[in-house]
N, C-alpha and C. Protein backbone atom coordinates (compact mmCIF):
# COMPACT_ATOMS: atom_id res chain seq x y z
N MET A 1 6.34 17.74 -10.21
CA MET A 1 5.14 16.60 -10.53
C MET A 1 3.87 17.80 -10.30
N THR A 2 2.93 16.93 -11.28
CA THR A 2 1.59 17.87 -11.71
C THR A 2 0.97 17.12 -10.54
N GLN A 3 -0.59 18.09 -10.01
CA GLN A 3 -1.47 18.04 -9.33
C GLN A 3 -2.36 16.24 -9.38
N GLU A 4 -2.30 16.10 -10.68
CA GLU A 4 -2.77 14.82 -11.52
C GLU A 4 -1.95 13.40 -10.69
N GLN A 5 -0.85 13.94 -11.18
CA GLN A 5 0.22 12.74 -10.82
C GLN A 5 0.42 12.63 -9.55
N SER A 6 0.49 13.38 -8.55
CA SER A 6 0.39 13.57 -6.69
C SER A 6 -0.75 12.63 -6.56
N ASP A 7 -1.81 12.85 -7.01
CA ASP A 7 -3.29 12.28 -6.69
C ASP A 7 -3.14 11.18 -6.84
N GLU A 8 -2.53 10.52 -8.16
CA GLU A 8 -2.24 9.31 -8.45
C GLU A 8 -1.45 8.63 -7.73
N VAL A 9 -0.34 9.04 -7.33
CA VAL A 9 0.86 8.01 -6.60
C VAL A 9 -0.12 8.23 -5.34
N GLU A 10 -0.53 9.12 -4.83
CA GLU A 10 -1.29 9.11 -3.01
C GLU A 10 -1.85 7.73 -3.21
N HIS A 11 -3.17 7.68 -4.15
CA HIS A 11 -4.22 6.77 -4.28
C HIS A 11 -3.38 5.35 -4.47
N LEU A 12 -2.02 5.33 -5.04
CA LEU A 12 -1.33 3.97 -5.10
C LEU A 12 -0.76 3.68 -3.30
N LEU A 13 -0.22 4.82 -3.33
CA LEU A 13 0.42 4.42 -1.84
C LEU A 13 -0.91 4.29 -0.61
N ARG A 14 -2.11 4.43 -0.58
CA ARG A 14 -3.14 4.50 0.08
C ARG A 14 -3.32 2.88 0.18
N THR A 15 -3.58 2.55 -0.82
CA THR A 15 -3.97 0.99 -1.36
C THR A 15 -2.71 0.30 -0.65
N TRP A 16 -1.76 0.83 -1.49
CA TRP A 16 -0.11 -0.06 -0.79
C TRP A 16 -0.35 -0.16 0.77
N PHE A 17 -0.62 1.27 1.15
CA PHE A 17 -0.55 0.77 2.90
C PHE A 17 -1.34 0.09 3.93
N GLU A 18 -2.77 -0.07 3.33
CA GLU A 18 -3.77 -0.97 3.55
C GLU A 18 -3.28 -2.34 3.38
N TRP A 19 -2.73 -2.81 2.32
CA TRP A 19 -2.29 -4.13 1.68
C TRP A 19 -1.52 -4.46 2.96
N GLN A 20 -0.30 -3.54 3.13
CA GLN A 20 0.55 -3.89 4.41
C GLN A 20 0.15 -3.83 5.48
N CYS A 21 -0.51 -3.26 5.93
CA CYS A 21 -1.59 -3.34 7.38
C CYS A 21 -2.30 -4.84 7.11
N ARG A 22 -2.42 -5.47 6.39
CA ARG A 22 -3.62 -6.56 6.11
C ARG A 22 -2.55 -7.94 6.24
N GLN A 23 -1.23 -7.68 5.70
CA GLN A 23 -0.46 -8.13 5.61
C GLN A 23 0.38 -9.09 6.99
N SER A 24 0.86 -7.19 7.79
CA SER A 24 1.07 -7.63 9.35
C SER A 24 0.01 -8.29 9.76
N ILE A 25 -1.29 -8.26 9.89
CA ILE A 25 -1.90 -8.37 10.74
C ILE A 25 -2.25 -10.27 10.21
N ALA A 26 -2.10 -10.63 9.11
CA ALA A 26 -2.00 -11.73 8.57
C ALA A 26 -1.13 -12.63 9.13
N MET A 27 0.06 -11.95 8.92
CA MET A 27 1.54 -13.00 9.58
C MET A 27 1.50 -13.19 11.64
N HIS A 28 0.99 -12.05 11.89
CA HIS A 28 0.70 -11.99 13.44
C HIS A 28 -0.44 -13.19 13.53
N ALA A 29 -1.73 -13.12 13.16
CA ALA A 29 -2.19 -14.05 13.19
C ALA A 29 -1.57 -15.88 13.16
N LYS A 30 -1.19 -15.39 12.35
CA LYS A 30 -0.23 -17.21 11.76
C LYS A 30 0.65 -17.66 12.85
N MET A 31 1.14 -16.71 13.88
CA MET A 31 2.07 -17.13 15.14
C MET A 31 1.19 -17.76 15.84
N TYR A 32 -0.10 -17.39 16.24
CA TYR A 32 -0.75 -17.42 17.12
C TYR A 32 -1.85 -18.60 17.23
N TYR A 33 -2.78 -18.43 16.16
CA TYR A 33 -3.69 -19.13 15.67
C TYR A 33 -3.48 -19.87 14.50
N ARG A 34 -4.44 -21.41 14.75
CA ARG A 34 -3.99 -22.21 13.91
C ARG A 34 -4.91 -22.26 12.20
N PRO A 35 -4.24 -22.18 11.33
CA PRO A 35 -5.09 -21.59 10.22
C PRO A 35 -6.37 -22.41 9.71
N ALA A 36 -6.59 -23.50 10.01
CA ALA A 36 -7.69 -24.03 9.85
C ALA A 36 -8.28 -25.00 11.00
N ASP A 37 -9.97 -25.33 10.86
CA ASP A 37 -10.63 -25.95 12.13
C ASP A 37 -10.68 -27.20 11.41
N SER A 38 -10.42 -28.25 12.31
CA SER A 38 -10.82 -29.58 11.61
C SER A 38 -12.26 -29.80 11.40
N MET A 39 -13.22 -29.04 12.09
CA MET A 39 -14.37 -29.51 12.56
C MET A 39 -15.15 -28.89 10.80
N GLY A 40 -14.62 -27.69 10.58
CA GLY A 40 -15.18 -27.10 9.10
C GLY A 40 -14.30 -26.95 8.04
N ARG A 41 -13.53 -28.36 7.96
CA ARG A 41 -12.40 -28.47 7.03
C ARG A 41 -13.37 -28.61 5.58
N GLN A 42 -14.23 -29.73 5.71
CA GLN A 42 -14.72 -29.90 4.46
C GLN A 42 -16.13 -29.19 4.10
N SER A 43 -16.29 -28.07 4.76
CA SER A 43 -17.65 -27.50 4.75
C SER A 43 -17.46 -26.72 3.30
N ILE A 44 -18.00 -25.97 2.58
CA ILE A 44 -18.37 -25.34 1.20
C ILE A 44 -19.89 -24.23 1.59
N THR A 45 -19.16 -22.84 1.63
CA THR A 45 -19.79 -21.73 1.28
C THR A 45 -20.47 -21.21 0.16
N ASN A 46 -21.40 -20.89 0.17
CA ASN A 46 -21.67 -20.64 -1.50
C ASN A 46 -21.35 -18.89 -1.60
N ARG A 47 -20.81 -18.41 -2.28
CA ARG A 47 -20.51 -16.94 -2.43
C ARG A 47 -21.86 -16.26 -3.63
N THR A 48 -21.92 -14.84 -3.21
CA THR A 48 -22.80 -14.25 -3.97
C THR A 48 -21.92 -13.87 -5.22
N CYS A 49 -22.53 -12.91 -6.27
CA CYS A 49 -21.71 -12.32 -7.13
C CYS A 49 -21.02 -11.46 -6.93
N GLU A 50 -21.94 -10.52 -5.70
CA GLU A 50 -20.72 -9.19 -4.87
C GLU A 50 -19.52 -9.41 -4.39
N GLU A 51 -19.68 -11.04 -3.67
CA GLU A 51 -18.66 -11.37 -2.80
C GLU A 51 -17.39 -11.95 -3.99
N ASP A 52 -17.93 -12.51 -5.36
CA ASP A 52 -16.85 -12.77 -6.02
C ASP A 52 -16.22 -11.75 -6.69
N ASP A 53 -16.90 -10.43 -6.71
CA ASP A 53 -16.32 -9.25 -7.41
C ASP A 53 -15.51 -8.56 -6.04
N GLU A 54 -15.98 -8.64 -5.06
CA GLU A 54 -14.93 -8.35 -3.98
C GLU A 54 -13.51 -8.79 -3.85
N VAL A 55 -13.95 -9.87 -4.06
CA VAL A 55 -12.49 -10.93 -4.04
C VAL A 55 -11.86 -10.47 -5.23
N ALA A 56 -12.27 -10.82 -6.52
CA ALA A 56 -11.12 -10.09 -7.69
C ALA A 56 -10.95 -8.71 -7.52
N TYR A 57 -11.64 -8.06 -7.18
CA TYR A 57 -11.22 -6.22 -6.76
C TYR A 57 -9.93 -6.48 -5.96
N GLN A 58 -10.18 -7.22 -4.86
CA GLN A 58 -8.85 -7.29 -3.48
C GLN A 58 -7.56 -8.09 -4.46
N TRP A 59 -7.67 -8.92 -5.18
CA TRP A 59 -7.02 -9.34 -5.56
C TRP A 59 -5.88 -8.83 -6.55
N ALA A 60 -6.76 -7.93 -6.97
CA ALA A 60 -6.05 -7.04 -7.99
C ALA A 60 -5.62 -6.04 -7.13
N ASP A 61 -6.02 -5.31 -5.95
CA ASP A 61 -5.41 -4.53 -5.45
C ASP A 61 -4.06 -4.96 -4.92
N ASP A 62 -4.29 -6.52 -4.54
CA ASP A 62 -2.98 -6.85 -3.77
C ASP A 62 -1.64 -6.71 -5.14
N GLN A 63 -2.43 -7.67 -6.19
CA GLN A 63 -1.17 -7.62 -6.60
C GLN A 63 -0.32 -6.29 -7.31
N GLN A 64 -1.20 -5.49 -7.59
CA GLN A 64 -0.84 -3.96 -7.50
C GLN A 64 0.06 -3.45 -6.48
N SER A 65 -0.31 -3.23 -5.37
CA SER A 65 0.53 -3.18 -4.01
C SER A 65 1.27 -3.58 -3.85
N GLU A 66 1.68 -5.27 -4.44
CA GLU A 66 2.80 -6.03 -4.30
C GLU A 66 4.19 -5.32 -5.11
N GLN A 67 3.61 -4.73 -6.51
CA GLN A 67 4.44 -3.96 -7.11
C GLN A 67 4.76 -2.72 -6.92
N VAL A 68 4.07 -1.79 -6.32
CA VAL A 68 4.14 -0.70 -5.51
C VAL A 68 5.44 -0.77 -4.25
N GLN A 69 5.23 -2.24 -3.57
CA GLN A 69 6.20 -2.48 -2.70
C GLN A 69 7.30 -2.57 -3.29
N LEU A 70 8.23 -2.98 -4.01
CA LEU A 70 9.00 -3.19 -5.26
C LEU A 70 9.52 -1.82 -5.32
N CYS A 71 8.79 -1.16 -5.60
CA CYS A 71 9.06 0.34 -5.75
C CYS A 71 9.41 1.01 -4.53
N VAL A 72 8.68 1.25 -3.73
CA VAL A 72 8.85 1.61 -2.19
C VAL A 72 10.40 1.32 -1.77
N ASP A 73 10.82 -0.46 -2.18
CA ASP A 73 12.06 -0.77 -1.37
C ASP A 73 13.38 -0.16 -1.79
N GLU A 74 12.86 0.26 -3.38
CA GLU A 74 14.31 1.11 -4.24
C GLU A 74 14.53 2.61 -3.55
N LEU A 75 13.46 2.97 -2.24
CA LEU A 75 13.67 4.74 -1.90
C LEU A 75 14.72 4.37 -0.91
N THR A 76 15.26 5.43 -0.36
CA THR A 76 15.91 5.58 0.55
C THR A 76 15.25 5.15 1.73
N ILE A 77 16.48 5.18 3.01
CA ILE A 77 15.25 4.95 4.31
C ILE A 77 14.51 6.00 4.52
N ASP A 78 15.42 7.24 4.50
CA ASP A 78 14.27 8.56 4.94
C ASP A 78 12.76 8.69 4.13
N GLN A 79 13.22 8.47 2.97
CA GLN A 79 11.83 8.40 2.21
C GLN A 79 10.70 7.44 2.46
N ARG A 80 11.44 6.19 2.86
CA ARG A 80 10.67 5.35 3.26
C ARG A 80 9.92 5.71 4.76
N ALA A 81 10.67 6.10 5.32
CA ALA A 81 9.99 6.44 6.96
C ALA A 81 9.22 8.07 6.29
N ALA A 82 9.26 8.59 5.58
CA ALA A 82 8.50 9.73 5.64
C ALA A 82 6.96 9.02 4.81
N ILE A 83 7.17 8.29 3.98
CA ILE A 83 6.05 7.64 3.58
C ILE A 83 5.22 6.51 4.19
N SER A 84 5.80 6.51 4.89
CA SER A 84 5.24 4.95 6.29
C SER A 84 4.75 6.27 7.35
N THR A 85 5.14 7.28 7.83
CA THR A 85 4.81 8.08 8.89
C THR A 85 3.50 9.00 8.29
N SER A 86 3.58 9.39 6.87
CA SER A 86 2.45 10.18 6.35
C SER A 86 1.35 9.31 5.84
N MET A 87 1.16 8.10 5.53
CA MET A 87 0.13 7.08 5.88
C MET A 87 -0.10 6.65 6.97
N ARG A 88 0.30 6.71 8.18
CA ARG A 88 -0.29 6.78 9.20
C ARG A 88 -1.07 7.49 9.96
N ASN A 89 -0.65 8.86 9.47
CA ASN A 89 -1.08 9.97 9.54
C ASN A 89 -2.27 10.19 9.01
N LYS A 90 -2.63 9.71 8.01
CA LYS A 90 -3.52 9.97 7.04
C LYS A 90 -4.90 8.83 7.50
N ALA A 91 -4.23 7.35 7.55
CA ALA A 91 -4.81 6.48 8.47
C ALA A 91 -5.89 6.97 9.57
N SER A 92 -5.21 7.73 10.47
CA SER A 92 -5.68 8.10 11.42
C SER A 92 -6.53 9.55 11.20
N ASP A 93 -6.63 9.86 10.11
CA ASP A 93 -6.86 11.22 10.44
C ASP A 93 -6.53 12.30 11.54
N ALA A 94 -5.38 12.08 12.05
CA ALA A 94 -4.48 13.21 12.95
C ALA A 94 -3.14 12.95 12.57
N SER A 95 -2.32 14.38 12.51
CA SER A 95 -0.74 14.34 12.72
C SER A 95 -0.15 13.75 14.03
N VAL A 96 -0.45 12.59 14.71
CA VAL A 96 -0.07 12.47 15.89
C VAL A 96 1.57 11.70 15.30
N TRP A 97 1.77 11.32 14.29
CA TRP A 97 2.96 10.00 14.21
C TRP A 97 4.36 11.06 13.48
N ARG A 98 5.24 10.88 14.42
CA ARG A 98 6.43 11.45 13.31
C ARG A 98 7.47 10.70 13.51
N SER A 99 8.54 11.03 12.67
CA SER A 99 9.70 9.95 12.36
C SER A 99 10.85 10.96 12.76
N VAL A 100 12.00 10.40 13.76
CA VAL A 100 13.27 10.84 13.99
C VAL A 100 14.10 10.59 13.20
N ARG A 101 14.23 10.26 12.33
CA ARG A 101 15.12 9.76 10.89
C ARG A 101 14.71 10.88 10.09
N VAL A 102 13.43 11.42 9.84
CA VAL A 102 13.34 12.68 8.90
C VAL A 102 13.03 14.04 9.26
N GLY A 103 13.85 14.87 8.98
CA GLY A 103 14.17 16.36 9.01
C GLY A 103 12.38 16.96 8.74
N ASP A 104 12.51 17.39 7.83
CA ASP A 104 11.36 18.03 7.34
C ASP A 104 10.52 16.80 6.58
N GLN A 105 9.75 16.65 7.32
CA GLN A 105 8.90 15.12 6.92
C GLN A 105 8.13 15.59 5.45
N HIS A 106 7.19 16.61 5.32
CA HIS A 106 6.77 16.85 4.16
C HIS A 106 7.72 16.74 2.94
N ALA A 107 8.51 17.89 3.08
CA ALA A 107 9.82 17.86 1.82
C ALA A 107 10.34 16.71 1.25
N VAL A 108 10.52 15.66 2.11
CA VAL A 108 11.13 14.11 2.40
C VAL A 108 10.21 13.21 1.67
N TYR A 109 8.66 13.47 1.83
CA TYR A 109 7.61 12.77 1.34
C TYR A 109 7.02 13.61 0.12
N GLN A 110 7.24 14.59 -0.38
CA GLN A 110 7.23 14.97 -1.82
C GLN A 110 8.33 14.60 -2.56
N SER A 111 9.51 14.27 -2.05
CA SER A 111 10.67 14.16 -2.94
C SER A 111 10.42 12.53 -3.30
N ALA A 112 9.89 11.77 -2.02
CA ALA A 112 9.52 10.65 -2.29
C ALA A 112 8.89 9.90 -3.59
N LYS A 113 7.70 10.78 -3.30
CA LYS A 113 6.48 11.00 -4.91
C LYS A 113 7.07 11.33 -5.82
N SER A 114 7.99 11.81 -5.73
CA SER A 114 8.44 12.36 -6.98
C SER A 114 9.63 11.27 -7.63
N ASP A 115 10.15 10.55 -6.75
CA ASP A 115 11.30 9.59 -7.32
C ASP A 115 10.35 8.41 -7.68
N LEU A 116 9.02 8.16 -7.20
CA LEU A 116 8.07 6.77 -7.57
C LEU A 116 7.41 7.08 -8.77
N ILE A 117 7.57 8.30 -9.33
CA ILE A 117 6.61 8.28 -10.66
C ILE A 117 7.60 7.69 -11.78
N PRO A 118 8.27 7.52 -12.18
CA PRO A 118 8.86 6.90 -13.15
C PRO A 118 9.56 5.50 -12.56
N MET A 119 9.37 4.89 -11.34
CA MET A 119 9.30 3.89 -11.01
C MET A 119 7.93 2.74 -11.20
N LEU A 120 7.12 3.94 -10.89
CA LEU A 120 5.41 3.24 -10.99
C LEU A 120 5.44 3.10 -12.29
N ALA A 121 5.79 4.31 -13.29
CA ALA A 121 5.07 4.48 -14.75
C ALA A 121 6.01 3.54 -15.46
N ALA A 122 7.48 2.71 -14.88
CA ALA A 122 7.89 1.24 -15.42
C ALA A 122 7.06 0.53 -15.30
N ARG A 123 6.34 0.10 -14.37
CA ARG A 123 5.80 -1.07 -14.02
C ARG A 123 4.13 -0.96 -14.22
N HIS A 124 3.84 0.13 -15.02
CA HIS A 124 2.68 0.46 -15.85
C HIS A 124 1.19 0.77 -15.02
N LEU A 125 1.61 1.31 -13.37
CA LEU A 125 0.94 1.08 -12.63
C LEU A 125 0.57 2.55 -12.60
N ILE A 126 0.90 3.45 -13.59
CA ILE A 126 0.58 5.00 -13.89
C ILE A 126 0.38 5.17 -15.22
N ARG A 127 -0.47 5.98 -16.03
CA ARG A 127 -0.53 6.15 -17.41
C ARG A 127 0.75 6.54 -17.45
N MET A 128 1.49 6.59 -18.85
CA MET A 128 2.78 6.70 -19.37
C MET A 128 2.91 8.23 -19.18
N GLU A 129 1.56 8.92 -20.04
CA GLU A 129 1.39 10.21 -20.60
C GLU A 129 1.67 11.25 -19.00
N MET A 130 1.24 10.77 -17.82
CA MET A 130 1.34 11.17 -16.66
C MET A 130 2.69 11.59 -16.28
N ALA A 131 3.33 10.51 -16.58
CA ALA A 131 5.12 10.45 -16.27
C ALA A 131 5.83 11.30 -16.87
N VAL A 132 5.39 11.96 -18.10
CA VAL A 132 6.22 12.41 -19.02
C VAL A 132 6.34 13.89 -18.42
């Protein structure tokens, strides 16, 4: 795995992890809060062009993250645990998270990234010349 491949997979995994966190928060909120308020049901808010762009980029990132999720699901449980642990540590800017499932965290994480490269290339999430 080259440094360019590693960086590309790392970027996809970070975007995927942020998406996964947003999905988790949304599911938790649905259990305790009503999805709509009856007072504002008919109100319409105007969006600016910048907000429209943000929504479009967020939608594209969400679609990409769903494809990454399908690839991550094909990994072994140790590899998924290593990815999750590594992403939590990177999100917190500290190495405080550990997994008892994974022996050598870094080695398993690197093998997971290597295994993801052909899967991501097959889904056209990374450039084909990078995967060769």
